[in-house]
PDB file of N, CA and C in Angstrom:
ATOM      1  N   UNK A   1     -55.386 -84.083 -32.624  1.00  0.00           N
ATOM      2  CA  UNK A   1     -54.738 -83.881 -31.441  1.00  0.00           C
ATOM      3  C   UNK A   1     -55.534 -82.778 -30.652  1.00  0.00           C
ATOM      4  N   UNK A   2     -55.797 -83.192 -29.397  1.00  0.00           N
ATOM      5  CA  UNK A   2     -56.562 -82.191 -28.531  1.00  0.00           C
ATOM      6  C   UNK A   2     -55.665 -81.066 -28.029  1.00  0.00           C
ATOM      7  N   UNK A   3     -56.264 -79.816 -27.979  1.00  0.00           N
ATOM      8  CA  UNK A   3     -55.465 -78.776 -27.448  1.00  0.00           C
ATOM      9  C   UNK A   3     -55.855 -78.683 -25.919  1.00  0.00           C
ATOM     10  N   UNK A   4     -54.705 -78.492 -25.237  1.00  0.00           N
ATOM     11  CA  UNK A   4     -54.953 -78.297 -23.813  1.00  0.00           C
ATOM     12  C   UNK A   4     -55.177 -76.929 -23.415  1.00  0.00           C
ATOM     13  N   UNK A   5     -56.118 -76.688 -22.550  1.00  0.00           N
ATOM     14  CA  UNK A   5     -56.255 -75.280 -21.937  1.00  0.00           C
ATOM     15  C   UNK A   5     -55.354 -75.034 -21.006  1.00  0.00           C
ATOM     16  N   UNK A   6     -54.913 -73.720 -21.060  1.00  0.00           N
ATOM     17  CA  UNK A   6     -53.867 -73.144 -20.153  1.00  0.00           C
ATOM     18  C   UNK A   6     -54.466 -73.184 -18.715  1.00  0.00           C
ATOM     19  N   UNK A   7     -53.881 -73.702 -17.765  1.00  0.00           N
ATOM     20  CA  UNK A   7     -54.211 -73.624 -16.381  1.00  0.00           C
ATOM     21  C   UNK A   7     -53.920 -72.222 -15.858  1.00  0.00           C
ATOM     22  N   UNK A   8     -54.952 -71.501 -15.428  1.00  0.00           N
ATOM     23  CA  UNK A   8     -54.740 -70.231 -14.858  1.00  0.00           C
ATOM     24  C   UNK A   8     -53.759 -70.248 -13.639  1.00  0.00           C
ATOM     25  N   UNK A   9     -52.995 -69.259 -13.500  1.00  0.00           N
ATOM     26  CA  UNK A   9     -52.014 -69.285 -12.297  1.00  0.00           C
ATOM     27  C   UNK A   9     -52.708 -69.388 -11.048  1.00  0.00           C
ATOM     28  N   UNK A  10     -52.083 -70.181 -10.141  1.00  0.00           N
ATOM     29  CA  UNK A  10     -52.611 -70.171  -8.793  1.00  0.00           C
ATOM     30  C   UNK A  10     -52.409 -69.038  -7.803  1.00  0.00           C
ATOM     31  N   UNK A  11     -51.401 -68.199  -8.297  1.00  0.00           N
ATOM     32  CA  UNK A  11     -51.029 -67.023  -7.411  1.00  0.00           C
ATOM     33  C   UNK A  11     -52.257 -66.194  -6.972  1.00  0.00           C
ATOM     34  N   UNK A  12     -53.008 -65.741  -7.939  1.00  0.00           N
ATOM     35  CA  UNK A  12     -54.108 -64.784  -7.666  1.00  0.00           C
ATOM     36  C   UNK A  12     -55.083 -65.491  -6.606  1.00  0.00           C
ATOM     37  N   UNK A  13     -55.436 -66.781  -6.803  1.00  0.00           N
ATOM     38  CA  UNK A  13     -56.121 -67.396  -5.893  1.00  0.00           C
ATOM     39  C   UNK A  13     -55.597 -67.503  -4.589  1.00  0.00           C
ATOM     40  N   UNK A  14     -54.269 -67.864  -4.529  1.00  0.00           N
ATOM     41  CA  UNK A  14     -53.515 -67.967  -3.217  1.00  0.00           C
ATOM     42  C   UNK A  14     -53.429 -66.621  -2.459  1.00  0.00           C
ATOM     43  N   UNK A  15     -53.133 -65.627  -3.230  1.00  0.00           N
ATOM     44  CA  UNK A  15     -53.245 -64.222  -2.579  1.00  0.00           C
ATOM     45  C   UNK A  15     -54.550 -63.856  -2.002  1.00  0.00           C
ATOM     46  N   UNK A  16     -55.565 -64.244  -2.716  1.00  0.00           N
ATOM     47  CA  UNK A  16     -56.900 -63.888  -2.323  1.00  0.00           C
ATOM     48  C   UNK A  16     -57.350 -64.775  -1.027  1.00  0.00           C
ATOM     49  N   UNK A  17     -57.106 -65.937  -1.110  1.00  0.00           N
ATOM     50  CA  UNK A  17     -57.403 -66.885   0.143  1.00  0.00           C
ATOM     51  C   UNK A  17     -56.663 -66.451   1.365  1.00  0.00           C
ATOM     52  N   UNK A  18     -55.261 -66.429   1.119  1.00  0.00           N
ATOM     53  CA  UNK A  18     -54.531 -66.181   2.418  1.00  0.00           C
ATOM     54  C   UNK A  18     -54.602 -64.710   2.841  1.00  0.00           C
ATOM     55  N   UNK A  19     -54.827 -63.862   1.909  1.00  0.00           N
ATOM     56  CA  UNK A  19     -55.047 -62.385   2.313  1.00  0.00           C
ATOM     57  C   UNK A  19     -56.372 -62.221   3.165  1.00  0.00           C
ATOM     58  N   UNK A  20     -57.394 -62.995   2.668  1.00  0.00           N
ATOM     59  CA  UNK A  20     -58.719 -62.875   3.355  1.00  0.00           C
ATOM     60  C   UNK A  20     -58.625 -63.510   4.744  1.00  0.00           C
ATOM     61  N   UNK A  21     -57.797 -64.626   4.939  1.00  0.00           N
ATOM     62  CA  UNK A  21     -57.686 -65.155   6.117  1.00  0.00           C
ATOM     63  C   UNK A  21     -56.790 -64.103   7.000  1.00  0.00           C
ATOM     64  N   UNK A  22     -55.851 -63.637   6.591  1.00  0.00           N
ATOM     65  CA  UNK A  22     -55.040 -62.614   7.322  1.00  0.00           C
ATOM     66  C   UNK A  22     -55.862 -61.371   7.698  1.00  0.00           C
ATOM     67  N   UNK A  23     -56.702 -60.891   6.765  1.00  0.00           N
ATOM     68  CA  UNK A  23     -57.451 -59.705   7.187  1.00  0.00           C
ATOM     69  C   UNK A  23     -58.589 -60.078   8.237  1.00  0.00           C
ATOM     70  N   UNK A  24     -59.046 -61.264   8.007  1.00  0.00           N
ATOM     71  CA  UNK A  24     -60.145 -61.746   8.954  1.00  0.00           C
ATOM     72  C   UNK A  24     -59.407 -61.862  10.311  1.00  0.00           C
ATOM     73  N   UNK A  25     -58.239 -62.314  10.384  1.00  0.00           N
ATOM     74  CA  UNK A  25     -57.651 -62.397  11.630  1.00  0.00           C
ATOM     75  C   UNK A  25     -57.205 -61.196  12.425  1.00  0.00           C
ATOM     76  N   UNK A  26     -56.840 -60.231  11.597  1.00  0.00           N
ATOM     77  CA  UNK A  26     -56.435 -58.985  12.091  1.00  0.00           C
ATOM     78  C   UNK A  26     -57.674 -57.981  12.448  1.00  0.00           C
ATOM     79  N   UNK A  27     -58.611 -57.945  11.491  1.00  0.00           N
ATOM     80  CA  UNK A  27     -59.750 -57.120  11.629  1.00  0.00           C
ATOM     81  C   UNK A  27     -61.121 -57.843  11.942  1.00  0.00           C
ATOM     82  N   UNK A  28     -60.945 -58.876  12.540  1.00  0.00           N
ATOM     83  CA  UNK A  28     -62.315 -59.586  12.843  1.00  0.00           C
ATOM     84  C   UNK A  28     -63.123 -59.039  13.962  1.00  0.00           C
ATOM     85  N   UNK A  29     -64.434 -58.968  13.619  1.00  0.00           N
ATOM     86  CA  UNK A  29     -65.313 -58.634  14.612  1.00  0.00           C
ATOM     87  C   UNK A  29     -65.249 -59.526  15.857  1.00  0.00           C
ATOM     88  N   UNK A  30     -65.785 -59.117  16.963  1.00  0.00           N
ATOM     89  CA  UNK A  30     -65.710 -59.919  18.214  1.00  0.00           C
ATOM     90  C   UNK A  30     -66.311 -61.260  17.995  1.00  0.00           C
ATOM     91  N   UNK A  31     -67.385 -61.278  17.146  1.00  0.00           N
ATOM     92  CA  UNK A  31     -68.097 -62.569  17.018  1.00  0.00           C
ATOM     93  C   UNK A  31     -67.281 -63.575  16.330  1.00  0.00           C
ATOM     94  N   UNK A  32     -66.383 -63.232  15.702  1.00  0.00           N
ATOM     95  CA  UNK A  32     -65.482 -64.093  14.813  1.00  0.00           C
ATOM     96  C   UNK A  32     -64.224 -64.627  15.677  1.00  0.00           C
ATOM     97  N   UNK A  33     -64.045 -64.011  16.857  1.00  0.00           N
ATOM     98  CA  UNK A  33     -62.849 -64.363  17.634  1.00  0.00           C
ATOM     99  C   UNK A  33     -62.700 -65.903  17.967  1.00  0.00           C
ATOM    100  N   UNK A  34     -63.705 -66.548  18.367  1.00  0.00           N
ATOM    101  CA  UNK A  34     -63.533 -68.037  18.549  1.00  0.00           C
ATOM    102  C   UNK A  34     -63.087 -68.694  17.256  1.00  0.00           C
ATOM    103  N   UNK A  35     -63.538 -68.372  16.236  1.00  0.00           N
ATOM    104  CA  UNK A  35     -63.169 -69.181  14.880  1.00  0.00           C
ATOM    105  C   UNK A  35     -61.678 -68.804  14.477  1.00  0.00           C
ATOM    106  N   UNK A  36     -61.364 -67.513  14.788  1.00  0.00           N
ATOM    107  CA  UNK A  36     -59.865 -67.106  14.565  1.00  0.00           C
ATOM    108  C   UNK A  36     -58.944 -67.786  15.591  1.00  0.00           C
ATOM    109  N   UNK A  37     -59.305 -67.838  16.797  1.00  0.00           N
ATOM    110  CA  UNK A  37     -58.504 -68.497  17.856  1.00  0.00           C
ATOM    111  C   UNK A  37     -58.391 -70.102  17.448  1.00  0.00           C
ATOM    112  N   UNK A  38     -59.443 -70.582  17.006  1.00  0.00           N
ATOM    113  CA  UNK A  38     -59.205 -72.093  16.724  1.00  0.00           C
ATOM    114  C   UNK A  38     -58.442 -72.284  15.391  1.00  0.00           C
ATOM    115  N   UNK A  39     -58.479 -71.347  14.545  1.00  0.00           N
ATOM    116  CA  UNK A  39     -57.582 -71.550  13.445  1.00  0.00           C
ATOM    117  C   UNK A  39     -56.109 -71.408  13.752  1.00  0.00           C
ATOM    118  N   UNK A  40     -55.779 -70.891  14.925  1.00  0.00           N
ATOM    119  CA  UNK A  40     -54.525 -70.912  15.439  1.00  0.00           C
ATOM    120  C   UNK A  40     -54.165 -72.041  16.291  1.00  0.00           C
ATOM    121  N   UNK A  41     -55.148 -72.318  17.345  1.00  0.00           N
ATOM    122  CA  UNK A  41     -54.809 -73.347  18.314  1.00  0.00           C
ATOM    123  C   UNK A  41     -55.150 -74.858  17.750  1.00  0.00           C
ATOM    124  N   UNK A  42     -56.059 -74.972  16.848  1.00  0.00           N
ATOM    125  CA  UNK A  42     -56.492 -76.341  16.588  1.00  0.00           C
ATOM    126  C   UNK A  42     -55.261 -77.072  15.856  1.00  0.00           C
ATOM    127  N   UNK A  43     -54.524 -76.339  14.873  1.00  0.00           N
ATOM    128  CA  UNK A  43     -53.413 -77.133  14.247  1.00  0.00           C
ATOM    129  C   UNK A  43     -52.266 -77.339  15.197  1.00  0.00           C
ATOM    130  N   UNK A  44     -52.218 -76.656  16.364  1.00  0.00           N
ATOM    131  CA  UNK A  44     -51.070 -76.794  17.338  1.00  0.00           C
ATOM    132  C   UNK A  44     -51.390 -77.904  18.320  1.00  0.00           C
ATOM    133  N   UNK A  45     -52.569 -78.343  18.477  1.00  0.00           N
ATOM    134  CA  UNK A  45     -52.843 -79.327  19.545  1.00  0.00           C
ATOM    135  C   UNK A  45     -52.231 -80.711  19.209  1.00  0.00           C
ATOM    136  N   UNK A  46     -52.311 -81.263  17.939  1.00  0.00           N
ATOM    137  CA  UNK A  46     -51.507 -82.496  17.702  1.00  0.00           C
ATOM    138  C   UNK A  46     -49.946 -82.385  17.831  1.00  0.00           C
ATOM    139  N   UNK A  47     -49.505 -81.206  17.472  1.00  0.00           N
ATOM    140  CA  UNK A  47     -48.030 -80.994  17.735  1.00  0.00           C
ATOM    141  C   UNK A  47     -47.736 -80.946  19.274  1.00  0.00           C
ATOM    142  N   UNK A  48     -48.607 -80.376  19.992  1.00  0.00           N
ATOM    143  CA  UNK A  48     -48.284 -80.221  21.414  1.00  0.00           C
ATOM    144  C   UNK A  48     -48.366 -81.698  22.022  1.00  0.00           C
ATOM    145  N   UNK A  49     -49.290 -82.517  21.518  1.00  0.00           N
ATOM    146  CA  UNK A  49     -49.548 -83.936  22.042  1.00  0.00           C
ATOM    147  C   UNK A  49     -48.350 -84.713  21.634  1.00  0.00           C
ATOM    148  N   UNK A  50     -47.602 -84.443  20.546  1.00  0.00           N
ATOM    149  CA  UNK A  50     -46.426 -85.126  20.173  1.00  0.00           C
ATOM    150  C   UNK A  50     -45.196 -84.672  20.935  1.00  0.00           C
ATOM    151  N   UNK A  51     -45.342 -83.672  21.840  1.00  0.00           N
ATOM    152  CA  UNK A  51     -44.236 -83.271  22.616  1.00  0.00           C
ATOM    153  C   UNK A  51     -43.498 -82.109  22.234  1.00  0.00           C
ATOM    154  N   UNK A  52     -43.913 -81.501  21.134  1.00  0.00           N
ATOM    155  CA  UNK A  52     -43.166 -80.391  20.556  1.00  0.00           C
ATOM    156  C   UNK A  52     -43.450 -79.126  21.426  1.00  0.00           C
ATOM    157  N   UNK A  53     -42.341 -78.357  21.646  1.00  0.00           N
ATOM    158  CA  UNK A  53     -42.533 -76.966  22.536  1.00  0.00           C
ATOM    159  C   UNK A  53     -43.125 -75.934  21.587  1.00  0.00           C
ATOM    160  N   UNK A  54     -44.428 -75.971  21.360  1.00  0.00           N
ATOM    161  CA  UNK A  54     -44.943 -75.174  20.483  1.00  0.00           C
ATOM    162  C   UNK A  54     -45.879 -73.919  21.169  1.00  0.00           C
ATOM    163  N   UNK A  55     -45.870 -74.074  22.621  1.00  0.00           N
ATOM    164  CA  UNK A  55     -46.523 -73.084  23.448  1.00  0.00           C
ATOM    165  C   UNK A  55     -45.549 -72.380  24.291  1.00  0.00           C
ATOM    166  N   UNK A  56     -45.630 -71.259  24.455  1.00  0.00           N
ATOM    167  CA  UNK A  56     -44.726 -70.425  25.398  1.00  0.00           C
ATOM    168  C   UNK A  56     -45.351 -70.593  26.916  1.00  0.00           C
ATOM    169  N   UNK A  57     -44.605 -70.219  27.900  1.00  0.00           N
ATOM    170  CA  UNK A  57     -45.154 -70.391  29.164  1.00  0.00           C
ATOM    171  C   UNK A  57     -46.233 -69.301  29.377  1.00  0.00           C
ATOM    172  N   UNK A  58     -47.301 -69.848  30.151  1.00  0.00           N
ATOM    173  CA  UNK A  58     -48.496 -69.049  30.289  1.00  0.00           C
ATOM    174  C   UNK A  58     -48.461 -68.618  31.745  1.00  0.00           C
ATOM    175  N   UNK A  59     -49.172 -67.447  31.872  1.00  0.00           N
ATOM    176  CA  UNK A  59     -49.379 -66.965  33.251  1.00  0.00           C
ATOM    177  C   UNK A  59     -50.347 -67.930  33.981  1.00  0.00           C
ATOM    178  N   UNK A  60     -50.349 -67.985  35.237  1.00  0.00           N
ATOM    179  CA  UNK A  60     -51.242 -68.845  35.954  1.00  0.00           C
ATOM    180  C   UNK A  60     -52.720 -68.766  35.606  1.00  0.00           C
ATOM    181  N   UNK A  61     -53.180 -69.913  35.121  1.00  0.00           N
ATOM    182  CA  UNK A  61     -54.654 -69.784  34.733  1.00  0.00           C
ATOM    183  C   UNK A  61     -54.937 -69.132  33.427  1.00  0.00           C
ATOM    184  N   UNK A  62     -53.997 -68.759  32.708  1.00  0.00           N
ATOM    185  CA  UNK A  62     -54.277 -68.085  31.459  1.00  0.00           C
ATOM    186  C   UNK A  62     -53.863 -69.062  30.243  1.00  0.00           C
ATOM    187  N   UNK A  63     -54.306 -68.551  29.043  1.00  0.00           N
ATOM    188  CA  UNK A  63     -53.956 -69.339  27.882  1.00  0.00           C
ATOM    189  C   UNK A  63     -52.534 -69.070  27.469  1.00  0.00           C
ATOM    190  N   UNK A  64     -51.900 -70.126  27.138  1.00  0.00           N
ATOM    191  CA  UNK A  64     -50.492 -70.013  26.655  1.00  0.00           C
ATOM    192  C   UNK A  64     -50.403 -69.734  25.130  1.00  0.00           C
ATOM    193  N   UNK A  65     -49.681 -68.793  24.813  1.00  0.00           N
ATOM    194  CA  UNK A  65     -49.648 -68.135  23.488  1.00  0.00           C
ATOM    195  C   UNK A  65     -48.701 -69.092  22.708  1.00  0.00           C
ATOM    196  N   UNK A  66     -48.849 -69.241  21.462  1.00  0.00           N
ATOM    197  CA  UNK A  66     -47.814 -70.148  20.659  1.00  0.00           C
ATOM    198  C   UNK A  66     -46.460 -69.471  20.721  1.00  0.00           C
ATOM    199  N   UNK A  67     -45.322 -70.356  20.758  1.00  0.00           N
ATOM    200  CA  UNK A  67     -44.082 -69.950  20.683  1.00  0.00           C
ATOM    201  C   UNK A  67     -43.659 -69.598  19.281  1.00  0.00           C
ATOM    202  N   UNK A  68     -42.414 -69.293  18.981  1.00  0.00           N
ATOM    203  CA  UNK A  68     -41.924 -68.922  17.678  1.00  0.00           C
ATOM    204  C   UNK A  68     -42.097 -70.188  16.752  1.00  0.00           C
ATOM    205  N   UNK A  69     -41.799 -71.417  17.419  1.00  0.00           N
ATOM    206  CA  UNK A  69     -42.130 -72.686  16.655  1.00  0.00           C
ATOM    207  C   UNK A  69     -43.522 -72.943  16.308  1.00  0.00           C
ATOM    208  N   UNK A  70     -44.367 -72.410  17.246  1.00  0.00           N
ATOM    209  CA  UNK A  70     -45.841 -72.672  17.170  1.00  0.00           C
ATOM    210  C   UNK A  70     -46.320 -71.717  16.080  1.00  0.00           C
ATOM    211  N   UNK A  71     -46.052 -70.453  16.080  1.00  0.00           N
ATOM    212  CA  UNK A  71     -46.421 -69.486  14.983  1.00  0.00           C
ATOM    213  C   UNK A  71     -45.879 -69.892  13.696  1.00  0.00           C
ATOM    214  N   UNK A  72     -44.637 -70.533  13.584  1.00  0.00           N
ATOM    215  CA  UNK A  72     -44.210 -70.938  12.330  1.00  0.00           C
ATOM    216  C   UNK A  72     -45.056 -72.117  11.830  1.00  0.00           C
ATOM    217  N   UNK A  73     -45.331 -73.013  12.560  1.00  0.00           N
ATOM    218  CA  UNK A  73     -46.114 -74.216  12.226  1.00  0.00           C
ATOM    219  C   UNK A  73     -47.473 -73.825  11.751  1.00  0.00           C
ATOM    220  N   UNK A  74     -48.124 -72.860  12.472  1.00  0.00           N
ATOM    221  CA  UNK A  74     -49.505 -72.424  12.054  1.00  0.00           C
ATOM    222  C   UNK A  74     -49.464 -71.752  10.796  1.00  0.00           C
ATOM    223  N   UNK A  75     -48.402 -70.925  10.567  1.00  0.00           N
ATOM    224  CA  UNK A  75     -48.204 -70.093   9.248  1.00  0.00           C
ATOM    225  C   UNK A  75     -47.888 -71.125   8.100  1.00  0.00           C
ATOM    226  N   UNK A  76     -47.149 -72.048   8.337  1.00  0.00           N
ATOM    227  CA  UNK A  76     -46.678 -73.066   7.196  1.00  0.00           C
ATOM    228  C   UNK A  76     -47.938 -73.816   6.952  1.00  0.00           C
ATOM    229  N   UNK A  77     -48.642 -74.248   8.037  1.00  0.00           N
ATOM    230  CA  UNK A  77     -49.855 -75.097   7.647  1.00  0.00           C
ATOM    231  C   UNK A  77     -50.853 -74.419   6.936  1.00  0.00           C
ATOM    232  N   UNK A  78     -51.265 -73.124   7.279  1.00  0.00           N
ATOM    233  CA  UNK A  78     -52.250 -72.403   6.554  1.00  0.00           C
ATOM    234  C   UNK A  78     -51.760 -71.924   5.106  1.00  0.00           C
ATOM    235  N   UNK A  79     -50.479 -71.679   4.926  1.00  0.00           N
ATOM    236  CA  UNK A  79     -50.062 -71.455   3.621  1.00  0.00           C
ATOM    237  C   UNK A  79     -50.083 -72.700   2.785  1.00  0.00           C
ATOM    238  N   UNK A  80     -49.854 -73.826   3.280  1.00  0.00           N
ATOM    239  CA  UNK A  80     -49.979 -75.124   2.482  1.00  0.00           C
ATOM    240  C   UNK A  80     -51.423 -75.360   2.249  1.00  0.00           C
ATOM    241  N   UNK A  81     -52.364 -75.109   3.118  1.00  0.00           N
ATOM    242  CA  UNK A  81     -53.736 -75.347   2.885  1.00  0.00           C
ATOM    243  C   UNK A  81     -54.236 -74.365   1.662  1.00  0.00           C
ATOM    244  N   UNK A  82     -53.940 -73.092   1.831  1.00  0.00           N
ATOM    245  CA  UNK A  82     -54.421 -72.130   0.814  1.00  0.00           C
ATOM    246  C   UNK A  82     -53.667 -72.335  -0.526  1.00  0.00           C
ATOM    247  N   UNK A  83     -52.507 -72.919  -0.589  1.00  0.00           N
ATOM    248  CA  UNK A  83     -51.683 -73.099  -1.689  1.00  0.00           C
ATOM    249  C   UNK A  83     -52.358 -74.268  -2.444  1.00  0.00           C
ATOM    250  N   UNK A  84     -52.742 -75.267  -1.760  1.00  0.00           N
ATOM    251  CA  UNK A  84     -53.484 -76.413  -2.322  1.00  0.00           C
ATOM    252  C   UNK A  84     -54.816 -76.034  -2.858  1.00  0.00           C
ATOM    253  N   UNK A  85     -55.695 -75.321  -2.072  1.00  0.00           N
ATOM    254  CA  UNK A  85     -56.947 -74.732  -2.509  1.00  0.00           C
ATOM    255  C   UNK A  85     -56.852 -73.850  -3.778  1.00  0.00           C
ATOM    256  N   UNK A  86     -55.786 -73.153  -3.721  1.00  0.00           N
ATOM    257  CA  UNK A  86     -55.515 -72.194  -4.997  1.00  0.00           C
ATOM    258  C   UNK A  86     -55.263 -73.035  -6.235  1.00  0.00           C
ATOM    259  N   UNK A  87     -54.480 -74.159  -6.040  1.00  0.00           N
ATOM    260  CA  UNK A  87     -54.279 -75.062  -7.114  1.00  0.00           C
ATOM    261  C   UNK A  87     -55.480 -75.705  -7.627  1.00  0.00           C
ATOM    262  N   UNK A  88     -56.230 -76.136  -6.687  1.00  0.00           N
ATOM    263  CA  UNK A  88     -57.612 -76.838  -6.861  1.00  0.00           C
ATOM    264  C   UNK A  88     -58.527 -75.760  -7.734  1.00  0.00           C
ATOM    265  N   UNK A  89     -58.465 -74.658  -7.386  1.00  0.00           N
ATOM    266  CA  UNK A  89     -59.333 -73.677  -7.932  1.00  0.00           C
ATOM    267  C   UNK A  89     -58.913 -73.271  -9.393  1.00  0.00           C
ATOM    268  N   UNK A  90     -57.606 -73.293  -9.481  1.00  0.00           N
ATOM    269  CA  UNK A  90     -57.169 -72.879 -10.828  1.00  0.00           C
ATOM    270  C   UNK A  90     -57.424 -74.158 -11.831  1.00  0.00           C
ATOM    271  N   UNK A  91     -57.323 -75.388 -11.369  1.00  0.00           N
ATOM    272  CA  UNK A  91     -57.496 -76.484 -12.244  1.00  0.00           C
ATOM    273  C   UNK A  91     -58.972 -76.590 -12.543  1.00  0.00           C
ATOM    274  N   UNK A  92     -59.740 -76.328 -11.519  1.00  0.00           N
ATOM    275  CA  UNK A  92     -61.219 -76.374 -11.875  1.00  0.00           C
ATOM    276  C   UNK A  92     -61.710 -75.252 -12.907  1.00  0.00           C
ATOM    277  N   UNK A  93     -61.235 -74.194 -12.777  1.00  0.00           N
ATOM    278  CA  UNK A  93     -61.441 -73.082 -13.700  1.00  0.00           C
ATOM    279  C   UNK A  93     -60.939 -73.305 -15.074  1.00  0.00           C
ATOM    280  N   UNK A  94     -59.862 -74.168 -15.235  1.00  0.00           N
ATOM    281  CA  UNK A  94     -59.244 -74.501 -16.476  1.00  0.00           C
ATOM    282  C   UNK A  94     -60.104 -75.384 -17.236  1.00  0.00           C
ATOM    283  N   UNK A  95     -60.892 -76.202 -16.629  1.00  0.00           N
ATOM    284  CA  UNK A  95     -61.705 -77.122 -17.318  1.00  0.00           C
ATOM    285  C   UNK A  95     -62.943 -76.521 -17.948  1.00  0.00           C
ATOM    286  N   UNK A  96     -63.278 -75.285 -17.638  1.00  0.00           N
ATOM    287  CA  UNK A  96     -64.445 -74.707 -18.094  1.00  0.00           C
ATOM    288  C   UNK A  96     -64.316 -74.015 -19.366  1.00  0.00           C
TER     289      UNK A  96
END
């Protein structure tokens, strides 16, 4: 009978990935600003096209900031992405 290797917990990977994203968003240098902005706005564009009210009203000629629903959608999407990536990393490291 083969012994199965224990799969490492995904929590440390998840905290590292999500924490890095959060720190990059909060303390990003100006050169990273477009990438950080797209990490917020790109997931919202399909939801906006579907008619969901994910943007707040904007000043004339300005960018519309995400509404509470928009921020929730962005947060849940990135948490799901980092949770999946953490699970993949933990499984890959268990095979070694």
